[in-house]
């Protein structure tokens, strides 16, 4: 065997003809899991303002004079 044939055989064995899409499926699965977790966190803050509506109304009644005196926020 010559050096050229040894290099050709080595190059032939090191080539990889796999499916690249199947190799990267794990990244997609991880991304879907992360985005699903973030969606759950986002949805957990849904309707938070209504949970404390009584407190907000009581605060607004207690500080109604302050809000009317200030005008346009100046």
PDB file of N, CA and C in Angstrom:
ATOM      1  N   UNK A   1       0.833  -1.182   0.000  1.00  0.00           N
ATOM      2  CA  UNK A   1       0.000   0.000   0.000  1.00  0.00           C
ATOM      3  C   UNK A   1       0.875   1.242   0.000  1.00  0.00           C
ATOM      4  N   UNK A   2       0.410   2.181  -0.745  1.00  0.00           N
ATOM      5  CA  UNK A   2       1.137   3.446  -0.786  1.00  0.00           C
ATOM      6  C   UNK A   2       0.512   4.411   0.203  1.00  0.00           C
ATOM      7  N   UNK A   3       1.201   5.474   0.415  1.00  0.00           N
ATOM      8  CA  UNK A   3       0.713   6.496   1.339  1.00  0.00           C
ATOM      9  C   UNK A   3      -0.607   7.086   0.851  1.00  0.00           C
ATOM     10  N   UNK A   4      -0.763   7.264  -0.429  1.00  0.00           N
ATOM     11  CA  UNK A   4      -1.990   7.839  -0.988  1.00  0.00           C
ATOM     12  C   UNK A   4      -3.185   6.922  -0.733  1.00  0.00           C
ATOM     13  N   UNK A   5      -3.023   5.618  -0.863  1.00  0.00           N
ATOM     14  CA  UNK A   5      -4.147   4.716  -0.609  1.00  0.00           C
ATOM     15  C   UNK A   5      -4.486   4.653   0.866  1.00  0.00           C
ATOM     16  N   UNK A   6      -3.497   4.733   1.720  1.00  0.00           N
ATOM     17  CA  UNK A   6      -3.762   4.741   3.165  1.00  0.00           C
ATOM     18  C   UNK A   6      -4.555   5.992   3.542  1.00  0.00           C
ATOM     19  N   UNK A   7      -4.175   7.132   2.988  1.00  0.00           N
ATOM     20  CA  UNK A   7      -4.891   8.386   3.271  1.00  0.00           C
ATOM     21  C   UNK A   7      -6.308   8.305   2.716  1.00  0.00           C
ATOM     22  N   UNK A   8      -6.472   7.710   1.529  1.00  0.00           N
ATOM     23  CA  UNK A   8      -7.799   7.586   0.927  1.00  0.00           C
ATOM     24  C   UNK A   8      -8.692   6.691   1.789  1.00  0.00           C
ATOM     25  N   UNK A   9      -8.143   5.567   2.272  1.00  0.00           N
ATOM     26  CA  UNK A   9      -8.934   4.686   3.139  1.00  0.00           C
ATOM     27  C   UNK A   9      -9.289   5.374   4.463  1.00  0.00           C
ATOM     28  N   UNK A  10      -8.367   6.133   5.022  1.00  0.00           N
ATOM     29  CA  UNK A  10      -8.620   6.836   6.281  1.00  0.00           C
ATOM     30  C   UNK A  10      -9.698   7.907   6.101  1.00  0.00           C
ATOM     31  N   UNK A  11      -9.634   8.602   4.979  1.00  0.00           N
ATOM     32  CA  UNK A  11     -10.631   9.632   4.704  1.00  0.00           C
ATOM     33  C   UNK A  11     -11.998   9.001   4.461  1.00  0.00           C
ATOM     34  N   UNK A  12     -11.991   7.851   3.824  1.00  0.00           N
ATOM     35  CA  UNK A  12     -13.243   7.171   3.534  1.00  0.00           C
ATOM     36  C   UNK A  12     -13.918   6.672   4.808  1.00  0.00           C
ATOM     37  N   UNK A  13     -13.136   6.213   5.749  1.00  0.00           N
ATOM     38  CA  UNK A  13     -13.695   5.726   7.005  1.00  0.00           C
ATOM     39  C   UNK A  13     -14.164   6.858   7.916  1.00  0.00           C
ATOM     40  N   UNK A  14     -13.520   8.011   7.809  1.00  0.00           N
ATOM     41  CA  UNK A  14     -13.882   9.106   8.712  1.00  0.00           C
ATOM     42  C   UNK A  14     -15.084   9.896   8.215  1.00  0.00           C
ATOM     43  N   UNK A  15     -15.502   9.677   6.986  1.00  0.00           N
ATOM     44  CA  UNK A  15     -16.681  10.366   6.490  1.00  0.00           C
ATOM     45  C   UNK A  15     -17.921   9.872   7.222  1.00  0.00           C
ATOM     46  N   UNK A  16     -18.815  10.794   7.423  1.00  0.00           N
ATOM     47  CA  UNK A  16     -20.028  10.461   8.147  1.00  0.00           C
ATOM     48  C   UNK A  16     -21.207  10.808   7.265  1.00  0.00           C
ATOM     49  N   UNK A  17     -21.996   9.821   6.918  1.00  0.00           N
ATOM     50  CA  UNK A  17     -23.123  10.056   6.025  1.00  0.00           C
ATOM     51  C   UNK A  17     -24.448   9.908   6.753  1.00  0.00           C
ATOM     52  N   UNK A  18     -24.507  10.333   7.994  1.00  0.00           N
ATOM     53  CA  UNK A  18     -25.734  10.215   8.767  1.00  0.00           C
ATOM     54  C   UNK A  18     -26.725  11.306   8.419  1.00  0.00           C
ATOM     55  N   UNK A  19     -27.869  11.214   8.990  1.00  0.00           N
ATOM     56  CA  UNK A  19     -28.907  12.205   8.786  1.00  0.00           C
ATOM     57  C   UNK A  19     -28.703  13.325   9.797  1.00  0.00           C
ATOM     58  N   UNK A  20     -28.355  14.493   9.290  1.00  0.00           N
ATOM     59  CA  UNK A  20     -28.058  15.615  10.172  1.00  0.00           C
ATOM     60  C   UNK A  20     -29.312  16.064  10.910  1.00  0.00           C
ATOM     61  N   UNK A  21     -30.465  15.956  10.281  1.00  0.00           N
ATOM     62  CA  UNK A  21     -31.714  16.368  10.935  1.00  0.00           C
ATOM     63  C   UNK A  21     -31.977  15.519  12.174  1.00  0.00           C
ATOM     64  N   UNK A  22     -31.693  14.229  12.104  1.00  0.00           N
ATOM     65  CA  UNK A  22     -31.911  13.371  13.264  1.00  0.00           C
ATOM     66  C   UNK A  22     -30.904  13.652  14.376  1.00  0.00           C
ATOM     67  N   UNK A  23     -29.735  14.111  13.999  1.00  0.00           N
ATOM     68  CA  UNK A  23     -28.727  14.426  15.017  1.00  0.00           C
ATOM     69  C   UNK A  23     -29.087  15.678  15.803  1.00  0.00           C
ATOM     70  N   UNK A  24     -29.862  16.565  15.216  1.00  0.00           N
ATOM     71  CA  UNK A  24     -30.187  17.833  15.875  1.00  0.00           C
ATOM     72  C   UNK A  24     -31.591  17.862  16.464  1.00  0.00           C
ATOM     73  N   UNK A  25     -32.285  16.751  16.467  1.00  0.00           N
ATOM     74  CA  UNK A  25     -33.639  16.698  17.022  1.00  0.00           C
ATOM     75  C   UNK A  25     -33.616  17.046  18.513  1.00  0.00           C
ATOM     76  N   UNK A  26     -32.577  16.667  19.205  1.00  0.00           N
ATOM     77  CA  UNK A  26     -32.472  16.952  20.639  1.00  0.00           C
ATOM     78  C   UNK A  26     -32.529  18.435  20.950  1.00  0.00           C
ATOM     79  N   UNK A  27     -31.908  19.253  20.089  1.00  0.00           N
ATOM     80  CA  UNK A  27     -31.949  20.700  20.300  1.00  0.00           C
ATOM     81  C   UNK A  27     -33.379  21.229  20.168  1.00  0.00           C
ATOM     82  N   UNK A  28     -34.113  20.701  19.216  1.00  0.00           N
ATOM     83  CA  UNK A  28     -35.503  21.118  19.053  1.00  0.00           C
ATOM     84  C   UNK A  28     -36.362  20.718  20.228  1.00  0.00           C
ATOM     85  N   UNK A  29     -36.141  19.517  20.730  1.00  0.00           N
ATOM     86  CA  UNK A  29     -36.906  19.048  21.891  1.00  0.00           C
ATOM     87  C   UNK A  29     -36.609  19.914  23.108  1.00  0.00           C
ATOM     88  N   UNK A  30     -35.341  20.227  23.309  1.00  0.00           N
ATOM     89  CA  UNK A  30     -34.966  21.084  24.437  1.00  0.00           C
ATOM     90  C   UNK A  30     -35.597  22.462  24.289  1.00  0.00           C
ATOM     91  N   UNK A  31     -35.600  23.017  23.074  1.00  0.00           N
ATOM     92  CA  UNK A  31     -36.195  24.334  22.844  1.00  0.00           C
ATOM     93  C   UNK A  31     -37.692  24.311  23.126  1.00  0.00           C
ATOM     94  N   UNK A  32     -38.385  23.266  22.705  1.00  0.00           N
ATOM     95  CA  UNK A  32     -39.824  23.166  22.948  1.00  0.00           C
ATOM     96  C   UNK A  32     -40.102  23.083  24.448  1.00  0.00           C
ATOM     97  N   UNK A  33     -39.303  22.324  25.174  1.00  0.00           N
ATOM     98  CA  UNK A  33     -39.494  22.197  26.620  1.00  0.00           C
ATOM     99  C   UNK A  33     -39.259  23.537  27.311  1.00  0.00           C
ATOM    100  N   UNK A  34     -38.217  24.250  26.904  1.00  0.00           N
ATOM    101  CA  UNK A  34     -37.919  25.552  27.524  1.00  0.00           C
ATOM    102  C   UNK A  34     -39.040  26.544  27.245  1.00  0.00           C
ATOM    103  N   UNK A  35     -39.503  26.603  25.993  1.00  0.00           N
ATOM    104  CA  UNK A  35     -40.581  27.541  25.664  1.00  0.00           C
ATOM    105  C   UNK A  35     -41.893  27.159  26.348  1.00  0.00           C
ATOM    106  N   UNK A  36     -42.147  25.886  26.523  1.00  0.00           N
ATOM    107  CA  UNK A  36     -43.347  25.454  27.247  1.00  0.00           C
ATOM    108  C   UNK A  36     -43.264  25.881  28.711  1.00  0.00           C
ATOM    109  N   UNK A  37     -42.092  25.751  29.306  1.00  0.00           N
ATOM    110  CA  UNK A  37     -41.918  26.186  30.697  1.00  0.00           C
ATOM    111  C   UNK A  37     -42.107  27.696  30.816  1.00  0.00           C
ATOM    112  N   UNK A  38     -41.575  28.448  29.865  1.00  0.00           N
ATOM    113  CA  UNK A  38     -41.756  29.901  29.889  1.00  0.00           C
ATOM    114  C   UNK A  38     -43.219  30.276  29.670  1.00  0.00           C
ATOM    115  N   UNK A  39     -43.923  29.530  28.857  1.00  0.00           N
ATOM    116  CA  UNK A  39     -45.347  29.785  28.649  1.00  0.00           C
ATOM    117  C   UNK A  39     -46.137  29.541  29.926  1.00  0.00           C
ATOM    118  N   UNK A  40     -45.778  28.500  30.666  1.00  0.00           N
ATOM    119  CA  UNK A  40     -46.453  28.236  31.932  1.00  0.00           C
ATOM    120  C   UNK A  40     -46.200  29.352  32.941  1.00  0.00           C
ATOM    121  N   UNK A  41     -44.983  29.866  32.960  1.00  0.00           N
ATOM    122  CA  UNK A  41     -44.677  30.981  33.870  1.00  0.00           C
ATOM    123  C   UNK A  41     -45.482  32.204  33.467  1.00  0.00           C
ATOM    124  N   UNK A  42     -45.565  32.468  32.172  1.00  0.00           N
ATOM    125  CA  UNK A  42     -46.329  33.618  31.695  1.00  0.00           C
ATOM    126  C   UNK A  42     -47.810  33.472  32.026  1.00  0.00           C
ATOM    127  N   UNK A  43     -48.352  32.295  31.821  1.00  0.00           N
ATOM    128  CA  UNK A  43     -49.766  32.078  32.105  1.00  0.00           C
ATOM    129  C   UNK A  43     -50.066  32.107  33.598  1.00  0.00           C
ATOM    130  N   UNK A  44     -49.071  31.864  34.428  1.00  0.00           N
ATOM    131  CA  UNK A  44     -49.320  31.893  35.867  1.00  0.00           C
ATOM    132  C   UNK A  44     -49.590  33.312  36.370  1.00  0.00           C
ATOM    133  N   UNK A  45     -49.184  34.322  35.609  1.00  0.00           N
ATOM    134  CA  UNK A  45     -49.440  35.710  35.992  1.00  0.00           C
ATOM    135  C   UNK A  45     -50.734  36.242  35.389  1.00  0.00           C
ATOM    136  N   UNK A  46     -51.495  35.383  34.760  1.00  0.00           N
ATOM    137  CA  UNK A  46     -52.750  35.786  34.151  1.00  0.00           C
ATOM    138  C   UNK A  46     -53.776  36.106  35.230  1.00  0.00           C
ATOM    139  N   UNK A  47     -54.486  37.209  35.061  1.00  0.00           N
ATOM    140  CA  UNK A  47     -55.581  37.599  35.952  1.00  0.00           C
ATOM    141  C   UNK A  47     -55.104  37.970  37.362  1.00  0.00           C
ATOM    142  N   UNK A  48     -53.870  38.397  37.493  1.00  0.00           N
ATOM    143  CA  UNK A  48     -53.340  38.753  38.808  1.00  0.00           C
ATOM    144  C   UNK A  48     -53.988  40.026  39.325  1.00  0.00           C
ATOM    145  N   UNK A  49     -54.301  40.956  38.442  1.00  0.00           N
ATOM    146  CA  UNK A  49     -54.899  42.222  38.873  1.00  0.00           C
ATOM    147  C   UNK A  49     -56.257  41.991  39.512  1.00  0.00           C
ATOM    148  N   UNK A  50     -57.000  41.049  39.006  1.00  0.00           N
ATOM    149  CA  UNK A  50     -58.329  40.800  39.568  1.00  0.00           C
ATOM    150  C   UNK A  50     -58.266  40.080  40.910  1.00  0.00           C
ATOM    151  N   UNK A  51     -57.187  39.431  41.192  1.00  0.00           N
ATOM    152  CA  UNK A  51     -57.052  38.754  42.487  1.00  0.00           C
ATOM    153  C   UNK A  51     -56.991  39.757  43.626  1.00  0.00           C
ATOM    154  N   UNK A  52     -56.484  40.947  43.315  1.00  0.00           N
ATOM    155  CA  UNK A  52     -56.297  41.963  44.345  1.00  0.00           C
ATOM    156  C   UNK A  52     -57.174  43.188  44.080  1.00  0.00           C
ATOM    157  N   UNK A  53     -58.310  42.986  43.467  1.00  0.00           N
ATOM    158  CA  UNK A  53     -59.183  44.104  43.102  1.00  0.00           C
ATOM    159  C   UNK A  53     -59.671  44.851  44.341  1.00  0.00           C
ATOM    160  N   UNK A  54     -60.002  44.120  45.419  1.00  0.00           N
ATOM    161  CA  UNK A  54     -60.485  44.786  46.635  1.00  0.00           C
ATOM    162  C   UNK A  54     -59.413  45.703  47.228  1.00  0.00           C
ATOM    163  N   UNK A  55     -58.175  45.236  47.234  1.00  0.00           N
ATOM    164  CA  UNK A  55     -57.096  46.068  47.763  1.00  0.00           C
ATOM    165  C   UNK A  55     -56.885  47.311  46.910  1.00  0.00           C
ATOM    166  N   UNK A  56     -56.971  47.147  45.588  1.00  0.00           N
ATOM    167  CA  UNK A  56     -56.784  48.285  44.697  1.00  0.00           C
ATOM    168  C   UNK A  56     -57.901  49.309  44.862  1.00  0.00           C
ATOM    169  N   UNK A  57     -59.120  48.844  45.002  1.00  0.00           N
ATOM    170  CA  UNK A  57     -60.242  49.761  45.210  1.00  0.00           C
ATOM    171  C   UNK A  57     -60.132  50.481  46.547  1.00  0.00           C
ATOM    172  N   UNK A  58     -59.726  49.773  47.584  1.00  0.00           N
ATOM    173  CA  UNK A  58     -59.561  50.398  48.900  1.00  0.00           C
ATOM    174  C   UNK A  58     -58.457  51.446  48.858  1.00  0.00           C
ATOM    175  N   UNK A  59     -57.369  51.160  48.163  1.00  0.00           N
ATOM    176  CA  UNK A  59     -56.277  52.131  48.034  1.00  0.00           C
ATOM    177  C   UNK A  59     -56.743  53.352  47.244  1.00  0.00           C
ATOM    178  N   UNK A  60     -57.508  53.115  46.179  1.00  0.00           N
ATOM    179  CA  UNK A  60     -57.993  54.229  45.368  1.00  0.00           C
ATOM    180  C   UNK A  60     -58.929  55.122  46.175  1.00  0.00           C
ATOM    181  N   UNK A  61     -59.781  54.523  47.006  1.00  0.00           N
ATOM    182  CA  UNK A  61     -60.685  55.329  47.850  1.00  0.00           C
ATOM    183  C   UNK A  61     -59.887  56.112  48.890  1.00  0.00           C
ATOM    184  N   UNK A  62     -58.891  55.495  49.468  1.00  0.00           N
ATOM    185  CA  UNK A  62     -58.111  56.155  50.518  1.00  0.00           C
ATOM    186  C   UNK A  62     -57.267  57.294  49.968  1.00  0.00           C
ATOM    187  N   UNK A  63     -56.827  57.179  48.744  1.00  0.00           N
ATOM    188  CA  UNK A  63     -55.940  58.191  48.166  1.00  0.00           C
ATOM    189  C   UNK A  63     -56.596  58.933  47.008  1.00  0.00           C
ATOM    190  N   UNK A  64     -57.892  59.018  47.018  1.00  0.00           N
ATOM    191  CA  UNK A  64     -58.610  59.697  45.933  1.00  0.00           C
ATOM    192  C   UNK A  64     -58.247  61.167  45.862  1.00  0.00           C
ATOM    193  N   UNK A  65     -58.056  61.816  47.020  1.00  0.00           N
ATOM    194  CA  UNK A  65     -57.715  63.245  47.038  1.00  0.00           C
ATOM    195  C   UNK A  65     -56.344  63.460  46.416  1.00  0.00           C
ATOM    196  N   UNK A  66     -55.404  62.592  46.686  1.00  0.00           N
ATOM    197  CA  UNK A  66     -54.058  62.722  46.126  1.00  0.00           C
ATOM    198  C   UNK A  66     -54.077  62.620  44.599  1.00  0.00           C
ATOM    199  N   UNK A  67     -54.897  61.734  44.097  1.00  0.00           N
ATOM    200  CA  UNK A  67     -54.942  61.521  42.659  1.00  0.00           C
ATOM    201  C   UNK A  67     -55.606  62.680  41.940  1.00  0.00           C
ATOM    202  N   UNK A  68     -56.623  63.290  42.542  1.00  0.00           N
ATOM    203  CA  UNK A  68     -57.316  64.390  41.890  1.00  0.00           C
ATOM    204  C   UNK A  68     -56.521  65.675  41.960  1.00  0.00           C
ATOM    205  N   UNK A  69     -55.736  65.857  42.991  1.00  0.00           N
ATOM    206  CA  UNK A  69     -54.962  67.090  43.118  1.00  0.00           C
ATOM    207  C   UNK A  69     -53.778  67.119  42.154  1.00  0.00           C
ATOM    208  N   UNK A  70     -53.258  65.957  41.789  1.00  0.00           N
ATOM    209  CA  UNK A  70     -52.041  65.949  41.007  1.00  0.00           C
ATOM    210  C   UNK A  70     -52.262  66.310  39.547  1.00  0.00           C
ATOM    211  N   UNK A  71     -53.469  66.255  39.053  1.00  0.00           N
ATOM    212  CA  UNK A  71     -53.743  66.631  37.674  1.00  0.00           C
ATOM    213  C   UNK A  71     -53.299  65.571  36.698  1.00  0.00           C
ATOM    214  N   UNK A  72     -52.494  65.974  35.763  1.00  0.00           N
ATOM    215  CA  UNK A  72     -52.045  65.069  34.706  1.00  0.00           C
ATOM    216  C   UNK A  72     -50.728  64.391  35.056  1.00  0.00           C
ATOM    217  N   UNK A  73     -50.516  64.068  36.255  1.00  0.00           N
ATOM    218  CA  UNK A  73     -49.296  63.387  36.659  1.00  0.00           C
ATOM    219  C   UNK A  73     -48.112  64.307  36.870  1.00  0.00           C
ATOM    220  N   UNK A  74     -48.370  65.600  37.030  1.00  0.00           N
ATOM    221  CA  UNK A  74     -47.262  66.546  37.218  1.00  0.00           C
ATOM    222  C   UNK A  74     -47.114  66.892  38.667  1.00  0.00           C
TER     223      UNK A  74
END
